[in-house]
Amino acid sequence: MEKLPKSIIPIVIAIIIVIIFISNSTVNINSGEAGVLFKRFGGGVVTDEPALGEGFHLVAPWNDVFVYEVRQQSIDEKMVVLSSNGLDIKLDVTIWYEPDYDRLGLLHKERGEDYLRRLILPAVRSATRTVVGRYKPEELYAQKRESIQEEMYVESEQMLKDQFVQVNRILVRDVSLPPTIKQAIERKLKQEQESLEYQYRLEKAEKEKERQRIEAEGKARANEILSASLTDKILREKGIQATIELSTSTNSKVIVIGSGDDGMPLILGGDN
């Protein structure tokens, strides 16, 4: 193989240098990520410019780019905290969080890449201790989980204010009480339920009794009105009408007019 001309060697070296330069100067940022630029000879972390977005970027080879995931992320955490009366309460929670995209440079400069361990988890643990410490075990057992979650979220949000991160939501997956306390609470709740059921039966029986009383009073009043309206003349008229109807029937009978004690007809005989 013939030797390369001396004039080509500098060109080859220049091409190699350019390739190395370009390979060290390109940064590809994937979907859901953003980059913080660090200028080694230009003031360090860039905080007064937007973070580098998704896609291909050219940067000076002596600078660095720190890539952050800026999508919402989640972490599961198990905690043991004290109730208001000093009993251990176990909680399983899920934390939804993400960095503040618009202040990603400040987050990297002042808090660092491990912001989850440095900021979010300590804040949520402290908020959990504060919230659970307000309640007794039986109150935690009966309290709506949504309200506990909301209190924890509010406390965490306050602690993380101006920390360049945000907690979007805290989900309480499970609350575990000491076994003896849990059994005592369940017995108490069962007794309360039985008491409410018994009270309901008493109220139902009382309402039925009142209904029957009102119905009896109505019937008695109706009978009084009916008795007051049935005079001797009306009874005689009704008797005469009935006599006329019976006399036209096909059954054989003997009708004696005016032979009753009250002057009403007597009907004797008949097939039925």
Protein backbone atom coordinates (compact mmCIF):
# COMPACT_ATOMS: atom_id res chain seq x y z
CA MET A 1 0.00 0.00 0.00
CA GLU A 2 1.40 3.29 -1.03
CA LYS A 3 2.00 5.89 1.62
CA LEU A 4 -0.43 8.81 1.83
CA PRO A 5 0.91 12.10 0.53
CA LYS A 6 2.18 14.36 3.21
CA SER A 7 -0.30 17.03 2.20
CA ILE A 8 -3.28 14.78 3.02
CA ILE A 9 -2.19 13.87 6.55
CA PRO A 10 -3.12 17.27 8.03
CA ILE A 11 -6.53 17.01 6.37
CA VAL A 12 -7.15 13.57 7.88
CA ILE A 13 -6.08 14.80 11.30
CA ALA A 14 -8.38 17.82 10.94
CA ILE A 15 -11.31 15.57 10.00
CA ILE A 16 -10.68 13.34 13.02
CA ILE A 17 -10.55 16.37 15.30
CA VAL A 18 -13.83 17.68 13.85
CA ILE A 19 -15.50 14.29 14.35
CA ILE A 20 -14.33 14.15 17.96
CA PHE A 21 -15.42 17.75 18.49
CA ILE A 22 -18.91 17.12 17.06
CA SER A 23 -19.39 13.86 18.95
CA ASN A 24 -18.58 15.65 22.20
CA SER A 25 -20.73 18.63 21.32
CA THR A 26 -24.04 16.94 20.59
CA VAL A 27 -26.75 16.22 23.13
CA ASN A 28 -29.96 14.35 22.44
CA ILE A 29 -32.79 14.97 24.91
CA ASN A 30 -35.56 12.39 24.84
CA SER A 31 -39.31 12.81 25.23
CA GLY A 32 -40.37 13.92 28.70
CA GLU A 33 -36.90 15.26 29.54
CA ALA A 34 -35.18 18.64 29.68
CA GLY A 35 -31.54 19.68 29.97
CA VAL A 36 -29.75 22.12 32.23
CA LEU A 37 -26.68 23.67 30.60
CA PHE A 38 -23.48 24.09 32.61
CA LYS A 39 -20.99 26.53 31.05
CA ARG A 40 -17.57 25.71 32.42
CA PHE A 41 -16.07 29.04 31.33
CA GLY A 42 -19.25 31.08 31.26
CA GLY A 43 -20.67 31.38 34.76
CA GLY A 44 -21.63 27.80 35.60
CA VAL A 45 -25.25 26.67 35.62
CA VAL A 46 -27.48 28.64 33.25
CA THR A 47 -30.48 29.89 35.25
CA ASP A 48 -31.60 32.90 33.22
CA GLU A 49 -32.47 30.92 30.07
CA PRO A 50 -35.07 28.20 29.45
CA ALA A 51 -33.97 24.60 29.86
CA LEU A 52 -32.99 22.69 26.75
CA GLY A 53 -36.08 21.00 25.32
CA GLU A 54 -36.54 17.67 23.59
CA GLY A 55 -34.43 16.96 20.54
CA PHE A 56 -30.89 17.39 19.22
CA HIS A 57 -28.64 20.17 20.56
CA LEU A 58 -25.10 21.38 19.84
CA VAL A 59 -23.07 22.60 22.81
CA ALA A 60 -19.44 23.42 23.31
CA PRO A 61 -17.45 20.29 24.25
CA TRP A 62 -16.16 21.89 27.43
CA ASN A 63 -19.75 22.46 28.66
CA ASP A 64 -22.01 19.87 30.27
CA VAL A 65 -25.76 19.18 30.06
CA PHE A 66 -27.61 17.63 33.00
CA VAL A 67 -30.76 15.84 31.86
CA TYR A 68 -33.87 15.77 34.09
CA GLU A 69 -37.12 13.89 33.68
CA VAL A 70 -39.82 16.55 33.74
CA ARG A 71 -42.88 14.31 33.49
CA GLN A 72 -44.96 13.51 36.57
CA GLN A 73 -43.30 10.73 38.54
CA SER A 74 -44.45 8.63 41.49
CA ILE A 75 -42.90 6.88 44.45
CA ASP A 76 -44.38 4.56 47.07
CA GLU A 77 -43.44 5.19 50.67
CA LYS A 78 -44.11 3.30 53.92
CA MET A 79 -44.11 5.38 57.10
CA VAL A 80 -44.65 4.81 60.81
CA VAL A 81 -45.89 7.88 62.67
CA LEU A 82 -47.46 8.60 66.05
CA SER A 83 -51.09 9.42 66.69
CA SER A 84 -52.15 12.10 69.18
CA ASN A 85 -52.03 9.58 72.04
CA GLY A 86 -48.61 8.19 71.09
CA LEU A 87 -49.57 4.96 69.30
CA ASP A 88 -47.75 3.79 66.17
CA ILE A 89 -49.71 4.22 62.95
CA LYS A 90 -48.46 2.64 59.73
CA LEU A 91 -49.25 4.33 56.44
CA ASP A 92 -48.64 3.31 52.85
CA VAL A 93 -48.68 6.35 50.58
CA THR A 94 -48.00 7.15 46.95
CA ILE A 95 -46.53 10.56 46.02
CA TRP A 96 -47.00 12.15 42.61
CA TYR A 97 -44.35 14.80 41.95
CA GLU A 98 -42.37 16.62 39.26
CA PRO A 99 -39.73 19.36 39.02
CA ASP A 100 -40.64 22.94 38.19
CA TYR A 101 -39.84 23.06 34.48
CA ASP A 102 -39.54 26.84 34.30
CA ARG A 103 -37.01 26.90 37.14
CA LEU A 104 -35.11 23.74 36.35
CA GLY A 105 -31.76 25.58 36.29
CA LEU A 106 -32.32 26.95 39.81
CA LEU A 107 -33.32 23.47 41.02
CA HIS A 108 -30.07 22.01 39.69
CA LYS A 109 -27.94 24.85 41.04
CA GLU A 110 -29.45 25.17 44.52
CA ARG A 111 -30.93 21.75 45.29
CA GLY A 112 -29.22 19.23 43.01
CA GLU A 113 -30.30 16.22 41.01
CA ASP A 114 -31.31 14.14 44.04
CA TYR A 115 -34.18 16.51 44.92
CA LEU A 116 -36.52 13.59 45.63
CA ARG A 117 -34.45 12.44 48.63
CA ARG A 118 -33.39 15.91 49.69
CA LEU A 119 -36.73 17.74 49.41
CA ILE A 120 -39.87 15.79 48.59
CA LEU A 121 -39.61 12.76 50.86
CA PRO A 122 -38.60 14.73 53.98
CA ALA A 123 -41.43 17.22 53.37
CA VAL A 124 -44.07 14.51 52.93
CA ARG A 125 -42.86 12.59 55.98
CA SER A 126 -43.00 15.74 58.09
CA ALA A 127 -46.47 16.57 56.76
CA THR A 128 -47.66 13.05 57.55
CA ARG A 129 -46.40 13.27 61.13
CA THR A 130 -48.14 16.62 61.54
CA VAL A 131 -51.49 15.43 60.16
CA VAL A 132 -51.63 12.04 61.87
CA GLY A 133 -50.52 13.63 65.15
CA ARG A 134 -53.81 15.57 65.20
CA TYR A 135 -55.94 12.46 65.42
CA LYS A 136 -56.58 9.55 67.74
CA PRO A 137 -56.44 6.03 66.21
CA GLU A 138 -60.23 5.66 66.21
CA GLU A 139 -60.54 9.00 64.42
CA LEU A 140 -58.05 7.90 61.77
CA TYR A 141 -59.99 4.65 61.34
CA ALA A 142 -63.30 6.45 60.83
CA GLN A 143 -61.97 9.60 59.12
CA LYS A 144 -62.48 9.76 55.38
CA ARG A 145 -59.20 8.92 53.66
CA GLU A 146 -59.71 11.73 51.16
CA SER A 147 -59.65 14.37 53.89
CA ILE A 148 -56.41 12.97 55.39
CA GLN A 149 -54.81 12.98 51.94
CA GLU A 150 -55.88 16.57 51.39
CA GLU A 151 -54.41 17.70 54.72
CA MET A 152 -51.11 15.95 53.94
CA TYR A 153 -51.01 17.55 50.51
CA VAL A 154 -51.63 21.05 51.89
CA GLU A 155 -48.91 20.63 54.52
CA SER A 156 -46.41 19.32 51.96
CA GLU A 157 -47.21 22.07 49.48
CA GLN A 158 -46.53 24.69 52.14
CA MET A 159 -43.16 23.14 53.04
CA LEU A 160 -42.06 22.87 49.39
CA LYS A 161 -42.98 26.42 48.49
CA ASP A 162 -40.11 28.10 46.57
CA GLN A 163 -38.16 24.82 46.43
CA PHE A 164 -38.45 24.49 42.59
CA VAL A 165 -40.43 21.23 42.84
CA GLN A 166 -44.09 20.42 43.20
CA VAL A 167 -46.15 17.60 44.70
CA ASN A 168 -49.26 17.03 42.61
CA ARG A 169 -51.03 14.59 44.90
CA ILE A 170 -50.57 12.28 47.89
CA LEU A 171 -52.54 9.04 47.92
CA VAL A 172 -53.02 7.10 51.17
CA ARG A 173 -53.25 3.46 50.11
CA ASP A 174 -53.54 1.93 53.59
CA VAL A 175 -53.73 2.91 57.26
CA SER A 176 -52.72 0.18 59.74
CA LEU A 177 -53.52 0.45 63.43
CA PRO A 178 -52.19 -1.70 66.30
CA PRO A 179 -54.23 -4.98 66.35
CA THR A 180 -55.71 -4.43 69.83
CA ILE A 181 -56.82 -0.89 68.93
CA LYS A 182 -58.30 -2.05 65.64
CA GLN A 183 -60.29 -4.82 67.32
CA ALA A 184 -61.59 -2.43 69.99
CA ILE A 185 -62.66 0.08 67.34
CA GLU A 186 -64.41 -2.61 65.30
CA ARG A 187 -66.31 -3.81 68.38
CA LYS A 188 -67.36 -0.25 69.16
CA LEU A 189 -68.51 0.36 65.61
CA LYS A 190 -70.47 -2.90 65.64
CA GLN A 191 -72.21 -1.94 68.88
CA GLU A 192 -73.05 1.48 67.48
CA GLN A 193 -74.50 -0.15 64.38
CA GLU A 194 -76.61 -2.54 66.46
CA SER A 195 -77.83 0.38 68.58
CA LEU A 196 -78.84 2.33 65.49
CA GLU A 197 -80.65 -0.72 64.13
CA TYR A 198 -82.54 -1.22 67.41
CA GLN A 199 -83.48 2.47 67.48
CA TYR A 200 -84.76 2.16 63.93
CA ARG A 201 -86.97 -0.81 64.87
CA LEU A 202 -88.38 1.12 67.85
CA GLU A 203 -89.17 4.13 65.70
CA LYS A 204 -90.78 1.91 63.08
CA ALA A 205 -92.97 0.20 65.72
CA GLU A 206 -93.96 3.57 67.19
CA LYS A 207 -94.95 4.85 63.75
CA GLU A 208 -97.03 1.72 63.11
CA LYS A 209 -98.74 2.14 66.48
CA GLU A 210 -99.54 5.76 65.65
CA ARG A 211 -100.91 4.75 62.25
CA GLN A 212 -103.22 2.17 63.82
CA ARG A 213 -104.43 4.70 66.39
CA ILE A 214 -105.22 7.26 63.71
CA GLU A 215 -106.99 4.60 61.63
CA ALA A 216 -109.12 3.46 64.63
CA GLU A 217 -110.00 7.04 65.51
CA GLY A 218 -111.06 7.62 61.91
CA LYS A 219 -113.32 4.55 61.91
CA ALA A 220 -114.85 5.53 65.25
CA ARG A 221 -115.55 9.04 64.01
CA ALA A 222 -117.13 7.66 60.85
CA ASN A 223 -119.40 5.39 62.90
CA GLU A 224 -120.41 8.33 65.08
CA ILE A 225 -121.35 10.38 62.02
CA LEU A 226 -123.24 7.42 60.51
CA SER A 227 -125.15 6.72 63.75
CA ALA A 228 -126.10 10.36 64.08
CA SER A 229 -127.51 10.41 60.55
CA LEU A 230 -129.66 7.21 60.91
CA THR A 231 -132.99 8.55 62.31
CA ASP A 232 -136.14 6.40 62.76
CA LYS A 233 -137.72 7.91 59.62
CA ILE A 234 -134.68 7.07 57.52
CA LEU A 235 -134.61 3.50 58.86
CA ARG A 236 -138.32 3.05 58.07
CA GLU A 237 -137.81 4.39 54.58
CA LYS A 238 -134.91 2.00 54.03
CA GLY A 239 -137.06 -0.85 55.36
CA ILE A 240 -139.89 -0.01 53.00
CA GLN A 241 -137.52 0.06 50.05
CA ALA A 242 -136.12 -3.32 51.03
CA THR A 243 -139.65 -4.74 51.42
CA ILE A 244 -140.60 -3.59 47.95
CA GLU A 245 -137.52 -5.22 46.47
CA LEU A 246 -138.17 -8.51 48.33
CA SER A 247 -141.81 -8.59 47.29
CA THR A 248 -140.82 -8.57 43.64
CA SER A 249 -138.50 -11.55 44.00
CA THR A 250 -139.53 -15.05 42.83
CA ASN A 251 -139.04 -16.65 46.25
CA SER A 252 -142.29 -17.64 48.04
CA LYS A 253 -142.78 -15.69 51.26
CA VAL A 254 -145.34 -14.04 53.53
CA ILE A 255 -145.03 -10.33 54.21
CA VAL A 256 -146.89 -8.91 57.15
CA ILE A 257 -147.04 -5.10 56.89
CA GLY A 258 -146.63 -3.17 60.11
CA SER A 259 -146.33 -6.20 62.40
CA GLY A 260 -142.87 -5.53 63.81
CA ASP A 261 -142.18 -3.90 67.18
CA ASP A 262 -141.02 -0.79 65.34
CA GLY A 263 -143.76 -0.89 62.71
CA MET A 264 -141.47 -2.45 60.10
CA PRO A 265 -142.74 -5.32 57.91
CA LEU A 266 -142.13 -8.97 58.92
CA ILE A 267 -140.99 -11.38 56.27
CA LEU A 268 -141.98 -15.00 56.92
CA GLY A 269 -141.11 -18.11 54.97
CA GLY A 270 -139.23 -18.18 51.73
CA ASP A 271 -137.18 -20.79 49.93
CA ASN A 272 -133.86 -19.31 51.12
